[in-house]
C-alpha atoms as a PDB file:
ATOM      1  CA  MET A   1     -29.183  14.669  -2.468  1.00  0.00           C
ATOM      2  CA  LYS A   2     -26.639  17.564  -3.762  1.00  0.00           C
ATOM      3  CA  ARG A   3     -23.740  16.502  -1.717  1.00  0.00           C
ATOM      4  CA  VAL A   4     -24.492  12.969  -3.054  1.00  0.00           C
ATOM      5  CA  LEU A   5     -23.936  13.703  -6.633  1.00  0.00           C
ATOM      6  CA  GLN A   6     -20.804  15.425  -6.063  1.00  0.00           C
ATOM      7  CA  LEU A   7     -19.056  12.848  -4.811  1.00  0.00           C
ATOM      8  CA  ILE A   8     -20.210  10.528  -7.474  1.00  0.00           C
ATOM      9  CA  PHE A   9     -19.144  13.575  -9.761  1.00  0.00           C
ATOM     10  CA  PHE A  10     -15.709  13.907  -8.103  1.00  0.00           C
ATOM     11  CA  LEU A  11     -15.066   9.903  -7.739  1.00  0.00           C
ATOM     12  CA  SER A  12     -16.012   9.507 -12.022  1.00  0.00           C
ATOM     13  CA  ILE A  13     -12.922  12.589 -12.776  1.00  0.00           C
ATOM     14  CA  ASN A  14     -10.670  10.957 -10.583  1.00  0.00           C
ATOM     15  CA  LEU A  15     -10.991   7.611 -11.803  1.00  0.00           C
ATOM     16  CA  SER A  16     -11.315   8.715 -15.839  1.00  0.00           C
ATOM     17  CA  ILE A  17      -7.634  10.303 -14.656  1.00  0.00           C
ATOM     18  CA  VAL A  18      -6.041   7.908 -13.056  1.00  0.00           C
ATOM     19  CA  VAL A  19      -7.136   5.104 -15.888  1.00  0.00           C
ATOM     20  CA  SER A  20      -5.593   7.281 -18.304  1.00  0.00           C
ATOM     21  CA  VAL A  21      -2.133   8.105 -16.203  1.00  0.00           C
ATOM     22  CA  GLU A  22      -1.598   4.769 -14.772  1.00  0.00           C
ATOM     23  CA  GLY A  23      -2.330   3.058 -17.743  1.00  0.00           C
ATOM     24  CA  GLN A  24      -0.674   1.478 -21.065  1.00  0.00           C
ATOM     25  CA  ASP A  25       0.767   3.976 -23.074  1.00  0.00           C
ATOM     26  CA  ILE A  26      -0.022   5.135 -25.853  1.00  0.00           C
ATOM     27  CA  HIS A  27       1.609   3.161 -29.252  1.00  0.00           C
ATOM     28  CA  PHE A  28       1.526   2.667 -32.695  1.00  0.00           C
ATOM     29  CA  SER A  29       0.428  -0.515 -34.742  1.00  0.00           C
ATOM     30  CA  HIS A  30       3.582   0.631 -37.588  1.00  0.00           C
ATOM     31  CA  ILE A  31       6.284  -0.577 -35.882  1.00  0.00           C
ATOM     32  CA  HIS A  32       8.601  -0.010 -38.633  1.00  0.00           C
ATOM     33  CA  SER A  33       7.062   3.773 -39.201  1.00  0.00           C
ATOM     34  CA  SER A  34       7.853   4.997 -35.812  1.00  0.00           C
ATOM     35  CA  PRO A  35      11.447   3.639 -34.351  1.00  0.00           C
ATOM     36  CA  THR A  36      12.426   5.855 -32.886  1.00  0.00           C
ATOM     37  CA  PHE A  37       8.963   6.697 -30.767  1.00  0.00           C
ATOM     38  CA  LEU A  38       9.926   2.612 -29.527  1.00  0.00           C
ATOM     39  CA  ASN A  39      13.473   3.250 -28.944  1.00  0.00           C
ATOM     40  CA  PRO A  40      15.930   5.814 -29.118  1.00  0.00           C
ATOM     41  CA  ALA A  41      18.463   3.699 -29.945  1.00  0.00           C
ATOM     42  CA  MET A  42      17.005   3.832 -33.316  1.00  0.00           C
ATOM     43  CA  THR A  43      17.439   6.994 -34.010  1.00  0.00           C
ATOM     44  CA  GLY A  44      19.868   7.472 -37.286  1.00  0.00           C
ATOM     45  CA  LEU A  45      19.691   4.159 -38.270  1.00  0.00           C
ATOM     46  CA  PHE A  46      18.695   3.840 -41.520  1.00  0.00           C
ATOM     47  CA  ASN A  47      20.303   3.611 -44.743  1.00  0.00           C
ATOM     48  CA  GLY A  48      20.153   7.995 -45.876  1.00  0.00           C
ATOM     49  CA  ASP A  49      21.361  10.607 -44.146  1.00  0.00           C
ATOM     50  CA  VAL A  50      18.044  12.477 -43.072  1.00  0.00           C
ATOM     51  CA  ARG A  51      14.816  11.098 -41.743  1.00  0.00           C
ATOM     52  CA  PHE A  52      11.017  12.263 -41.494  1.00  0.00           C
ATOM     53  CA  MET A  53       8.150  10.393 -40.552  1.00  0.00           C
ATOM     54  CA  ALA A  54       4.715  11.305 -39.434  1.00  0.00           C
ATOM     55  CA  ASN A  55       1.957   8.701 -38.345  1.00  0.00           C
ATOM     56  CA  TYR A  56      -1.720   9.211 -37.664  1.00  0.00           C
ATOM     57  CA  LYS A  57      -4.253   6.985 -35.749  1.00  0.00           C
ATOM     58  CA  SER A  58      -7.967   7.333 -34.438  1.00  0.00           C
ATOM     59  CA  GLN A  59      -8.986   4.241 -32.139  1.00  0.00           C
ATOM     60  CA  TRP A  60     -12.409   3.432 -30.866  1.00  0.00           C
ATOM     61  CA  GLN A  61     -14.519   6.432 -32.756  1.00  0.00           C
ATOM     62  CA  ASN A  62     -17.479   4.375 -31.982  1.00  0.00           C
ATOM     63  CA  PHE A  63     -17.013   4.901 -27.822  1.00  0.00           C
ATOM     64  CA  THR A  64     -17.526   9.076 -27.863  1.00  0.00           C
ATOM     65  CA  LYS A  65     -14.715  10.936 -29.055  1.00  0.00           C
ATOM     66  CA  GLY A  66     -12.346   7.510 -28.956  1.00  0.00           C
ATOM     67  CA  TYR A  67      -8.377   8.532 -29.318  1.00  0.00           C
ATOM     68  CA  ARG A  68      -6.430  10.522 -31.991  1.00  0.00           C
ATOM     69  CA  THR A  69      -2.638  10.176 -31.763  1.00  0.00           C
ATOM     70  CA  MET A  70      -0.194  11.720 -34.082  1.00  0.00           C
ATOM     71  CA  MET A  71       3.505  11.799 -34.103  1.00  0.00           C
ATOM     72  CA  ALA A  72       5.733  14.045 -36.353  1.00  0.00           C
ATOM     73  CA  ALA A  73       9.912  13.170 -36.190  1.00  0.00           C
ATOM     74  CA  ALA A  74      12.792  13.922 -37.858  1.00  0.00           C
ATOM     75  CA  ASP A  75      16.580  12.065 -36.792  1.00  0.00           C
ATOM     76  CA  MET A  76      19.524  12.143 -38.592  1.00  0.00           C
ATOM     77  CA  LYS A  77      23.163  10.758 -38.439  1.00  0.00           C
ATOM     78  CA  MET A  78      24.674  14.106 -36.904  1.00  0.00           C
ATOM     79  CA  ILE A  79      28.870  13.333 -36.133  1.00  0.00           C
ATOM     80  CA  HIS A  80      30.753  10.811 -38.180  1.00  0.00           C
ATOM     81  CA  LEU A  81      33.108   9.012 -36.229  1.00  0.00           C
ATOM     82  CA  GLY A  82      35.336   8.023 -38.760  1.00  0.00           C
ATOM     83  CA  LYS A  83      33.996   5.316 -41.651  1.00  0.00           C
ATOM     84  CA  ARG A  84      31.791   3.139 -39.482  1.00  0.00           C
ATOM     85  CA  ASP A  85      30.883   5.035 -36.214  1.00  0.00           C
ATOM     86  CA  PHE A  86      28.180   7.927 -35.893  1.00  0.00           C
ATOM     87  CA  ILE A  87      25.981  10.104 -33.428  1.00  0.00           C
ATOM     88  CA  GLY A  88      22.852   9.895 -34.096  1.00  0.00           C
ATOM     89  CA  ALA A  89      19.808  12.769 -33.029  1.00  0.00           C
ATOM     90  CA  GLY A  90      16.126  13.193 -33.754  1.00  0.00           C
ATOM     91  CA  LEU A  91      13.341  15.079 -32.534  1.00  0.00           C
ATOM     92  CA  ASN A  92       9.688  13.447 -31.750  1.00  0.00           C
ATOM     93  CA  VAL A  93       6.773  15.925 -31.393  1.00  0.00           C
ATOM     94  CA  PHE A  94       3.600  13.433 -30.270  1.00  0.00           C
ATOM     95  CA  SER A  95       0.208  14.851 -29.466  1.00  0.00           C
ATOM     96  CA  ASP A  96      -2.696  12.488 -27.744  1.00  0.00           C
ATOM     97  CA  LYS A  97      -6.209  13.096 -27.610  1.00  0.00           C
ATOM     98  CA  ALA A  98      -9.587  11.128 -26.188  1.00  0.00           C
ATOM     99  CA  GLY A  99     -12.627  11.348 -24.849  1.00  0.00           C
ATOM    100  CA  ASP A 100     -15.305  13.953 -24.147  1.00  0.00           C
ATOM    101  CA  LEU A 101     -13.030  15.809 -21.826  1.00  0.00           C
ATOM    102  CA  ASP A 102     -10.235  16.327 -24.464  1.00  0.00           C
ATOM    103  CA  PHE A 103      -7.885  14.641 -21.961  1.00  0.00           C
ATOM    104  CA  SER A 104      -4.501  15.422 -24.081  1.00  0.00           C
ATOM    105  CA  ILE A 105      -1.067  14.338 -23.948  1.00  0.00           C
ATOM    106  CA  ASN A 106       1.075  16.530 -25.859  1.00  0.00           C
ATOM    107  CA  SER A 107       5.097  15.858 -25.968  1.00  0.00           C
ATOM    108  CA  CYS A 108       8.615  17.174 -27.050  1.00  0.00           C
ATOM    109  CA  GLN A 109      11.370  14.435 -27.212  1.00  0.00           C
ATOM    110  CA  LEU A 110      15.216  14.995 -28.130  1.00  0.00           C
ATOM    111  CA  ASN A 111      16.964  11.994 -28.695  1.00  0.00           C
ATOM    112  CA  LEU A 112      20.663  11.398 -28.684  1.00  0.00           C
ATOM    113  CA  SER A 113      22.183   7.671 -29.861  1.00  0.00           C
ATOM    114  CA  ILE A 114      25.517   6.696 -30.447  1.00  0.00           C
ATOM    115  CA  VAL A 115      26.192   3.464 -33.105  1.00  0.00           C
ATOM    116  CA  LYS A 116      29.089   1.834 -32.696  1.00  0.00           C
ATOM    117  CA  ALA A 117      30.616  -1.340 -35.236  1.00  0.00           C
ATOM    118  CA  LEU A 118      31.423  -4.504 -33.783  1.00  0.00           C
ATOM    119  CA  ASP A 119      33.551  -5.391 -36.645  1.00  0.00           C
ATOM    120  CA  TYR A 120      35.892  -4.419 -39.404  1.00  0.00           C
ATOM    121  CA  ARG A 121      33.674  -5.138 -42.172  1.00  0.00           C
ATOM    122  CA  GLY A 122      30.986  -2.564 -40.675  1.00  0.00           C
ATOM    123  CA  ASP A 123      27.872  -5.501 -40.933  1.00  0.00           C
ATOM    124  CA  GLN A 124      27.259  -5.714 -37.250  1.00  0.00           C
ATOM    125  CA  PHE A 125      26.972  -2.677 -35.057  1.00  0.00           C
ATOM    126  CA  LEU A 126      25.597  -1.977 -31.558  1.00  0.00           C
ATOM    127  CA  SER A 127      23.751   1.147 -31.032  1.00  0.00           C
ATOM    128  CA  PHE A 128      22.564   2.799 -27.466  1.00  0.00           C
ATOM    129  CA  GLY A 129      20.366   5.804 -26.799  1.00  0.00           C
ATOM    130  CA  ILE A 130      18.714   8.214 -24.515  1.00  0.00           C
ATOM    131  CA  SER A 131      15.390   9.740 -24.746  1.00  0.00           C
ATOM    132  CA  ASN A 132      14.826  13.433 -22.826  1.00  0.00           C
ATOM    133  CA  ALA A 133      11.067  14.877 -23.321  1.00  0.00           C
ATOM    134  CA  ILE A 134       8.785  17.552 -21.603  1.00  0.00           C
ATOM    135  CA  VAL A 135       5.437  16.140 -21.562  1.00  0.00           C
ATOM    136  CA  ASN A 136       2.130  18.125 -20.785  1.00  0.00           C
ATOM    137  CA  ASN A 137      -1.111  16.318 -19.726  1.00  0.00           C
ATOM    138  CA  LYS A 138      -4.236  18.597 -20.103  1.00  0.00           C
ATOM    139  CA  VAL A 139      -7.974  17.824 -19.718  1.00  0.00           C
ATOM    140  CA  SER A 140     -11.052  20.209 -20.245  1.00  0.00           C
ATOM    141  CA  TYR A 141     -13.536  20.318 -17.456  1.00  0.00           C
ATOM    142  CA  GLU A 142     -15.529  23.116 -19.270  1.00  0.00           C
ATOM    143  CA  ASN A 143     -16.752  20.192 -21.433  1.00  0.00           C
ATOM    144  CA  LEU A 144     -18.777  18.713 -18.254  1.00  0.00           C
ATOM    145  CA  LYS A 145     -22.278  19.813 -17.642  1.00  0.00           C
ATOM    146  CA  VAL A 146     -23.147  18.579 -14.439  1.00  0.00           C
ATOM    147  CA  PHE A 147     -24.986  20.367 -11.825  1.00  0.00           C
ATOM    148  CA  ASP A 148     -23.274  23.515  -9.977  1.00  0.00           C
ATOM    149  CA  ALA A 149     -20.837  21.364  -8.844  1.00  0.00           C
ATOM    150  CA  THR A 150     -17.879  21.516 -10.867  1.00  0.00           C
ATOM    151  CA  PRO A 151     -16.511  25.059  -9.575  1.00  0.00           C
ATOM    152  CA  GLU A 152     -15.969  23.528  -6.096  1.00  0.00           C
ATOM    153  CA  ILE A 153     -14.319  20.276  -7.164  1.00  0.00           C
ATOM    154  CA  GLN A 154     -12.106  22.063  -9.556  1.00  0.00           C
ATOM    155  CA  GLY A 155     -10.784  23.697  -6.404  1.00  0.00           C
ATOM    156  CA  GLN A 156      -8.963  20.954  -5.772  1.00  0.00           C
ATOM    157  CA  LEU A 157      -8.237  19.467  -9.156  1.00  0.00           C
ATOM    158  CA  GLY A 158      -5.599  21.183 -11.562  1.00  0.00           C
ATOM    159  CA  ASP A 159      -6.553  21.137 -15.794  1.00  0.00           C
ATOM    160  CA  ARG A 160      -3.022  20.411 -16.603  1.00  0.00           C
ATOM    161  CA  VAL A 161       0.492  18.768 -15.167  1.00  0.00           C
ATOM    162  CA  SER A 162       3.359  19.030 -16.801  1.00  0.00           C
ATOM    163  CA  TYR A 163       6.820  16.780 -16.145  1.00  0.00           C
ATOM    164  CA  TRP A 164      10.349  16.030 -17.200  1.00  0.00           C
ATOM    165  CA  ASP A 165      10.642  12.107 -18.842  1.00  0.00           C
ATOM    166  CA  PHE A 166      13.970  10.028 -19.338  1.00  0.00           C
ATOM    167  CA  SER A 167      14.050   7.032 -21.099  1.00  0.00           C
ATOM    168  CA  ALA A 168      16.976   4.939 -22.278  1.00  0.00           C
ATOM    169  CA  GLY A 169      17.496   1.934 -25.293  1.00  0.00           C
ATOM    170  CA  LEU A 170      20.017  -0.427 -26.643  1.00  0.00           C
ATOM    171  CA  GLY A 171      19.940  -2.104 -30.191  1.00  0.00           C
ATOM    172  CA  TRP A 172      22.224  -4.552 -32.645  1.00  0.00           C
ATOM    173  CA  PHE A 173      21.658  -5.432 -35.747  1.00  0.00           C
ATOM    174  CA  TYR A 174      23.327  -7.721 -38.138  1.00  0.00           C
ATOM    175  CA  ALA A 175      23.819  -7.453 -42.438  1.00  0.00           C
ATOM    176  CA  PHE A 176      24.382 -11.131 -42.894  1.00  0.00           C
ATOM    177  CA  LYS A 177      24.109 -10.620 -47.102  1.00  0.00           C
ATOM    178  CA  ARG A 178      23.068  -7.829 -49.042  1.00  0.00           C
ATOM    179  CA  ASP A 179      19.818  -7.126 -48.254  1.00  0.00           C
ATOM    180  CA  ASN A 180      19.495  -9.510 -45.276  1.00  0.00           C
ATOM    181  CA  PHE A 181      19.870  -8.285 -41.834  1.00  0.00           C
ATOM    182  CA  VAL A 182      18.230  -8.787 -38.234  1.00  0.00           C
ATOM    183  CA  TYR A 183      18.085  -6.649 -35.332  1.00  0.00           C
ATOM    184  CA  LEU A 184      16.934  -6.651 -31.690  1.00  0.00           C
ATOM    185  CA  GLY A 185      16.265  -3.756 -29.304  1.00  0.00           C
ATOM    186  CA  ALA A 186      15.439  -2.957 -26.121  1.00  0.00           C
ATOM    187  CA  SER A 187      14.243   0.253 -24.538  1.00  0.00           C
ATOM    188  CA  TYR A 188      13.183   2.135 -20.240  1.00  0.00           C
ATOM    189  CA  PHE A 189      10.781   4.405 -20.895  1.00  0.00           C
ATOM    190  CA  HIS A 190      10.157   6.729 -17.633  1.00  0.00           C
ATOM    191  CA  LEU A 191      13.558   6.623 -15.220  1.00  0.00           C
ATOM    192  CA  ASN A 192      12.980   9.197 -13.746  1.00  0.00           C
ATOM    193  CA  ASN A 193       9.611   8.070 -12.286  1.00  0.00           C
ATOM    194  CA  PRO A 194       7.509  11.092 -13.113  1.00  0.00           C
ATOM    195  CA  GLN A 195       4.163  12.039 -10.962  1.00  0.00           C
ATOM    196  CA  LEU A 196       1.013  12.968 -12.975  1.00  0.00           C
ATOM    197  CA  SER A 197      -1.448  13.735 -10.265  1.00  0.00           C
ATOM    198  CA  PHE A 198      -3.465  16.601 -11.399  1.00  0.00           C
ATOM    199  CA  TYR A 199      -4.579  17.600  -7.529  1.00  0.00           C
ATOM    200  CA  GLN A 200      -3.621  20.940  -6.787  1.00  0.00           C
ATOM    201  CA  LYS A 201      -0.514  20.547  -4.138  1.00  0.00           C
ATOM    202  CA  GLU A 202      -1.939  21.516  -1.157  1.00  0.00           C
ATOM    203  CA  TYR A 203      -3.893  18.339  -1.030  1.00  0.00           C
ATOM    204  CA  GLY A 204      -0.240  16.095  -1.542  1.00  0.00           C
ATOM    205  CA  SER A 205      -2.039  13.214  -4.183  1.00  0.00           C
ATOM    206  CA  GLU A 206       1.086  11.266  -5.649  1.00  0.00           C
ATOM    207  CA  LEU A 207       0.402   9.318  -8.801  1.00  0.00           C
ATOM    208  CA  PRO A 208       3.562   7.986 -10.728  1.00  0.00           C
ATOM    209  CA  LEU A 209       3.840   6.675 -14.531  1.00  0.00           C
ATOM    210  CA  TYR A 210       4.197   3.188 -14.600  1.00  0.00           C
ATOM    211  CA  ARG A 211       7.856   2.458 -16.042  1.00  0.00           C
ATOM    212  CA  LYS A 212       7.767   0.418 -18.956  1.00  0.00           C
ATOM    213  CA  VAL A 213       9.557  -2.171 -20.708  1.00  0.00           C
ATOM    214  CA  ILE A 214      10.130  -2.849 -24.714  1.00  0.00           C
ATOM    215  CA  LEU A 215      11.900  -5.749 -26.197  1.00  0.00           C
ATOM    216  CA  HIS A 216      11.310  -5.735 -30.040  1.00  0.00           C
ATOM    217  CA  GLY A 217      12.905  -7.025 -32.882  1.00  0.00           C
ATOM    218  CA  GLY A 218      12.790  -7.792 -36.681  1.00  0.00           C
ATOM    219  CA  ALA A 219      14.545  -9.019 -39.839  1.00  0.00           C
ATOM    220  CA  ASP A 220      14.608  -8.552 -43.529  1.00  0.00           C
ATOM    221  CA  ILE A 221      15.317 -11.952 -45.119  1.00  0.00           C
ATOM    222  CA  ASN A 222      15.490 -11.852 -49.180  1.00  0.00           C
ATOM    223  CA  PRO A 223      15.146 -16.105 -50.167  1.00  0.00           C
ATOM    224  CA  ARG A 224      15.033 -14.745 -53.675  1.00  0.00           C
ATOM    225  CA  GLY A 225      15.171 -11.748 -55.954  1.00  0.00           C
ATOM    226  CA  ASP A 226      11.548 -10.470 -56.396  1.00  0.00           C
ATOM    227  CA  PHE A 227      10.145 -11.185 -53.002  1.00  0.00           C
ATOM    228  CA  SER A 228      11.107 -10.886 -49.053  1.00  0.00           C
ATOM    229  CA  LEU A 229       9.535 -11.046 -45.676  1.00  0.00           C
ATOM    230  CA  LYS A 230      10.329  -9.014 -43.058  1.00  0.00           C
ATOM    231  CA  PRO A 231       9.006 -10.345 -39.748  1.00  0.00           C
ATOM    232  CA  THR A 232       8.960  -7.910 -36.379  1.00  0.00           C
ATOM    233  CA  PHE A 233       8.178  -8.339 -32.922  1.00  0.00           C
ATOM    234  CA  ILE A 234       7.511  -6.654 -30.077  1.00  0.00           C
ATOM    235  CA  PHE A 235       6.790  -7.082 -26.276  1.00  0.00           C
ATOM    236  CA  MET A 236       5.423  -4.696 -23.825  1.00  0.00           C
ATOM    237  CA  ASP A 237       5.338  -4.345 -20.153  1.00  0.00           C
ATOM    238  CA  GLN A 238       4.024  -1.647 -18.237  1.00  0.00           C
ATOM    239  CA  GLY A 239       2.729  -1.983 -14.791  1.00  0.00           C
ATOM    240  CA  PRO A 240      -0.057  -4.598 -14.986  1.00  0.00           C
ATOM    241  CA  HIS A 241      -0.558  -4.525 -18.280  1.00  0.00           C
ATOM    242  CA  LYS A 242       1.383  -6.669 -21.052  1.00  0.00           C
ATOM    243  CA  GLU A 243       1.207  -6.653 -24.412  1.00  0.00           C
ATOM    244  CA  ILE A 244       2.697  -8.718 -27.518  1.00  0.00           C
ATOM    245  CA  THR A 245       2.308  -7.894 -31.086  1.00  0.00           C
ATOM    246  CA  ILE A 246       4.211 -10.605 -33.840  1.00  0.00           C
ATOM    247  CA  GLY A 247       3.361 -10.630 -37.209  1.00  0.00           C
ATOM    248  CA  SER A 248       5.595  -9.664 -41.013  1.00  0.00           C
ATOM    249  CA  PHE A 249       4.834  -7.653 -43.962  1.00  0.00           C
ATOM    250  CA  VAL A 250       5.879  -9.363 -47.186  1.00  0.00           C
ATOM    251  CA  LYS A 251       6.910  -7.683 -49.888  1.00  0.00           C
ATOM    252  CA  TYR A 252       7.167  -7.737 -54.026  1.00  0.00           C
ATOM    253  CA  ASN A 253       9.842  -5.485 -55.695  1.00  0.00           C
ATOM    254  CA  TYR A 254       9.108  -4.620 -58.778  1.00  0.00           C
ATOM    255  CA  ASP A 255      11.541  -2.406 -59.159  1.00  0.00           C
ATOM    256  CA  LYS A 256      14.691  -4.038 -58.984  1.00  0.00           C
ATOM    257  CA  LYS A 257      17.455  -1.281 -58.677  1.00  0.00           C
ATOM    258  CA  ALA A 258      20.463  -2.457 -57.610  1.00  0.00           C
ATOM    259  CA  ASN A 259      20.509   1.183 -55.289  1.00  0.00           C
ATOM    260  CA  LYS A 260      18.321  -0.289 -52.094  1.00  0.00           C
ATOM    261  CA  LEU A 261      17.448   3.214 -51.558  1.00  0.00           C
ATOM    262  CA  LYS A 262      15.977   3.588 -54.877  1.00  0.00           C
ATOM    263  CA  GLY A 263      14.592   0.768 -55.406  1.00  0.00           C
ATOM    264  CA  SER A 264      10.267   0.497 -55.140  1.00  0.00           C
ATOM    265  CA  GLY A 265       7.833  -2.372 -53.981  1.00  0.00           C
ATOM    266  CA  VAL A 266       4.527  -3.201 -52.194  1.00  0.00           C
ATOM    267  CA  TYR A 267       3.882  -5.016 -48.926  1.00  0.00           C
ATOM    268  CA  LEU A 268       1.359  -7.260 -47.315  1.00  0.00           C
ATOM    269  CA  GLY A 269       1.617  -7.657 -43.704  1.00  0.00           C
ATOM    270  CA  THR A 270      -0.262  -9.193 -40.497  1.00  0.00           C
ATOM    271  CA  TRP A 271      -0.298  -9.147 -37.087  1.00  0.00           C
ATOM    272  CA  LEU A 272      -2.017 -10.360 -34.556  1.00  0.00           C
ATOM    273  CA  ARG A 273      -1.719  -8.500 -30.649  1.00  0.00           C
ATOM    274  CA  TRP A 274      -2.066 -10.229 -27.140  1.00  0.00           C
ATOM    275  CA  TYR A 275      -2.555  -8.837 -23.726  1.00  0.00           C
ATOM    276  CA  VAL A 276      -1.890 -10.091 -20.185  1.00  0.00           C
ATOM    277  CA  GLU A 277      -4.493  -7.982 -18.185  1.00  0.00           C
ATOM    278  CA  ASN A 278      -3.539  -9.520 -14.566  1.00  0.00           C
ATOM    279  CA  ASP A 279      -5.665 -12.778 -14.580  1.00  0.00           C
ATOM    280  CA  VAL A 280      -7.073 -11.563 -18.372  1.00  0.00           C
ATOM    281  CA  ARG A 281      -6.315 -12.380 -21.206  1.00  0.00           C
ATOM    282  CA  GLY A 282      -6.772 -13.042 -24.881  1.00  0.00           C
ATOM    283  CA  ILE A 283      -6.307 -11.940 -28.425  1.00  0.00           C
ATOM    284  CA  ASP A 284      -7.347  -8.297 -28.416  1.00  0.00           C
ATOM    285  CA  ALA A 285      -7.165  -7.516 -32.113  1.00  0.00           C
ATOM    286  CA  VAL A 286      -5.275  -8.389 -35.870  1.00  0.00           C
ATOM    287  CA  VAL A 287      -3.990  -5.712 -37.813  1.00  0.00           C
ATOM    288  CA  LEU A 288      -3.652  -5.943 -41.486  1.00  0.00           C
ATOM    289  CA  ALA A 289      -1.584  -3.345 -43.321  1.00  0.00           C
ATOM    290  CA  LEU A 290      -0.398  -2.277 -46.834  1.00  0.00           C
ATOM    291  CA  ARG A 291       2.602  -0.559 -48.085  1.00  0.00           C
ATOM    292  CA  PHE A 292       4.021   1.072 -51.173  1.00  0.00           C
ATOM    293  CA  ASP A 293       7.840   2.177 -51.598  1.00  0.00           C
ATOM    294  CA  PHE A 294       8.431   4.669 -53.888  1.00  0.00           C
ATOM    295  CA  ASP A 295      11.777   5.230 -54.151  1.00  0.00           C
ATOM    296  CA  GLN A 296      12.652   7.015 -50.928  1.00  0.00           C
ATOM    297  CA  ILE A 297       9.116   7.365 -49.488  1.00  0.00           C
ATOM    298  CA  HIS A 298       7.349   4.899 -47.464  1.00  0.00           C
ATOM    299  CA  MET A 299       3.451   4.713 -47.070  1.00  0.00           C
ATOM    300  CA  THR A 300       1.846   3.117 -45.106  1.00  0.00           C
ATOM    301  CA  PHE A 301      -2.186   2.383 -43.947  1.00  0.00           C
ATOM    302  CA  SER A 302      -3.461   0.121 -41.735  1.00  0.00           C
ATOM    303  CA  PHE A 303      -6.881  -1.012 -39.807  1.00  0.00           C
ATOM    304  CA  ASP A 304      -7.009  -2.254 -36.413  1.00  0.00           C
ATOM    305  CA  ALA A 305      -9.663  -5.088 -36.617  1.00  0.00           C
ATOM    306  CA  ASN A 306     -10.942  -5.785 -32.493  1.00  0.00           C
ATOM    307  CA  ILE A 307     -11.604  -9.671 -32.087  1.00  0.00           C
ATOM    308  CA  SER A 308     -11.279  -9.508 -28.210  1.00  0.00           C
ATOM    309  CA  LYS A 309     -14.038  -9.083 -25.605  1.00  0.00           C
ATOM    310  CA  LEU A 310     -14.985  -5.664 -26.526  1.00  0.00           C
ATOM    311  CA  THR A 311     -16.230  -7.146 -30.252  1.00  0.00           C
ATOM    312  CA  ALA A 312     -19.501  -6.414 -29.135  1.00  0.00           C
ATOM    313  CA  ALA A 313     -19.319  -2.888 -28.275  1.00  0.00           C
ATOM    314  CA  SER A 314     -17.102  -1.641 -31.310  1.00  0.00           C
ATOM    315  CA  ASN A 315     -18.176  -3.754 -34.095  1.00  0.00           C
ATOM    316  CA  GLY A 316     -14.937  -5.031 -34.577  1.00  0.00           C
ATOM    317  CA  ALA A 317     -13.482  -1.730 -35.213  1.00  0.00           C
ATOM    318  CA  GLY A 318     -10.052  -0.846 -33.274  1.00  0.00           C
ATOM    319  CA  GLY A 319      -8.925   2.013 -36.117  1.00  0.00           C
ATOM    320  CA  PRO A 320      -7.134   2.802 -39.135  1.00  0.00           C
ATOM    321  CA  GLU A 321      -3.710   4.246 -39.453  1.00  0.00           C
ATOM    322  CA  PHE A 322      -1.768   5.914 -41.785  1.00  0.00           C
ATOM    323  CA  SER A 323       2.264   6.991 -42.247  1.00  0.00           C
ATOM    324  CA  ILE A 324       4.979   8.082 -44.617  1.00  0.00           C
ATOM    325  CA  VAL A 325       8.352   8.383 -44.026  1.00  0.00           C
ATOM    326  CA  LYS A 326      10.611  10.557 -46.435  1.00  0.00           C
ATOM    327  CA  ILE A 327      14.232   9.946 -46.397  1.00  0.00           C
ATOM    328  CA  LEU A 328      17.185  11.638 -47.682  1.00  0.00           C
ATOM    329  CA  GLU A 329      20.522  11.120 -49.133  1.00  0.00           C
ATOM    330  CA  THR A 330      23.390  14.059 -48.732  1.00  0.00           C
ATOM    331  CA  PRO A 331      26.751  13.600 -50.225  1.00  0.00           C
ATOM    332  CA  TYR A 332      28.331  12.836 -47.000  1.00  0.00           C
ATOM    333  CA  ARG A 333      26.855   9.339 -46.702  1.00  0.00           C
ATOM    334  CA  ALA A 334      29.573   8.114 -49.353  1.00  0.00           C
ATOM    335  CA  LYS A 335      32.184   8.116 -46.625  1.00  0.00           C
ATOM    336  CA  GLN A 336      30.065   6.078 -44.640  1.00  0.00           C
ATOM    337  CA  LYS A 337      30.531   2.210 -44.931  1.00  0.00           C
ATOM    338  CA  VAL A 338      27.215   1.541 -42.832  1.00  0.00           C
ATOM    339  CA  SER A 339      24.589  -1.170 -44.064  1.00  0.00           C
ATOM    340  CA  CYS A 340      22.033   0.449 -41.704  1.00  0.00           C
ATOM    341  CA  PRO A 341      18.559  -1.826 -41.554  1.00  0.00           C
ATOM    342  CA  ALA A 342      15.874  -0.924 -43.675  1.00  0.00           C
ATOM    343  CA  PHE A 343      12.275  -0.825 -41.548  1.00  0.00           C
END
C-alpha cells in the first residue's frame, strides 16, 4: 500500500510540473502596458526617451493560491542614428508564482532593437529586436505533507532548473496623420529550445519548452478632436495552445494640449479572449479595462471575467490586473523626428 501511495504521489508531482512548464507562457491582458514583454522589436518604440513600466496580475485565487504575476521594465532610445533611426535597449524583470507548491518562474531579460525609417518624412518605420533572458524555475517540495515518501522521491527530482532563453521579433508602424497610426508585429520565442526537466541528470529526461509565435497589431484612430479609438489584437500559438484577443479602448481627451506627450485622457476598453486547445475551443474571458493618462503617466486597471466552462468553479472570477507606465523626455528628443506609436 505504501508503494502505491508513493507512486501516486510521484506521478502527481510530475504531472503538475509537466503541465506548468509545457503549458502556455504566462501573459498579461494589458497589451498596451507590456509591449517589450510581448515583442522585443517594440523596445524603444514610444514618444519620449526613457520609459518605465510595471504590471501586477492576480488570477484564480479561489483555486488554492492561484497565480501572482509581476513585471518591471525599462527601455530607452540608446543610440541615435541620424534624425530618424535609432538603437533601443531595455530590461525586463519578470516573476510568477503559482499553487500550493509555490511553483515560480523568475526571469531577467535584456532586449536590443534597431528602428529604421522607411521614408524621408519619418512617418513609416521598421523595427527588429532580440531578447536574451536568464530564467529560473523553482518548486517547493517542503509544502507537501505526504507520508514519509518525499525524501525518496526528491532523490530523483531537483527543486529548480535554470536556462538561457533567446527570442526575436519584427515590428512595423505607420503614422498616416497627426495622432493617427497603425502598427503590426510578430515575435518568435524560445528559439534555442530550452530544456526544463526537473529530473536529476542521471535520470536523463528531456522536457523542451514549446516555441511560441505571437502576431499582434493595433491602431490609434482619431475621428474627432475629443474622442479616439485604440483597437488591438493579439494571436498566440504555443504547442497545442492557441489564443486570440480582440478589443479596443475608447479614449476621451479631456486635455487638448498641442503636445501629445503631455495630453490627458480617460479610456474605457473591452476585449474578448478566445482559446483553441486541440479539439476544444471557445470564449475564455471578457476583459474590462479603465485607464487614465496624466501627462506622461498612464495607469490601467482591468478585470478578467471568466465566461468559459470553468465558470462554475471560478464563479466568473478571472483576476484583476494593474499597470503603470511613466515616460521621460531628455533634451536629445528635439533632434529626433520619429512619430512612434502611443500604446
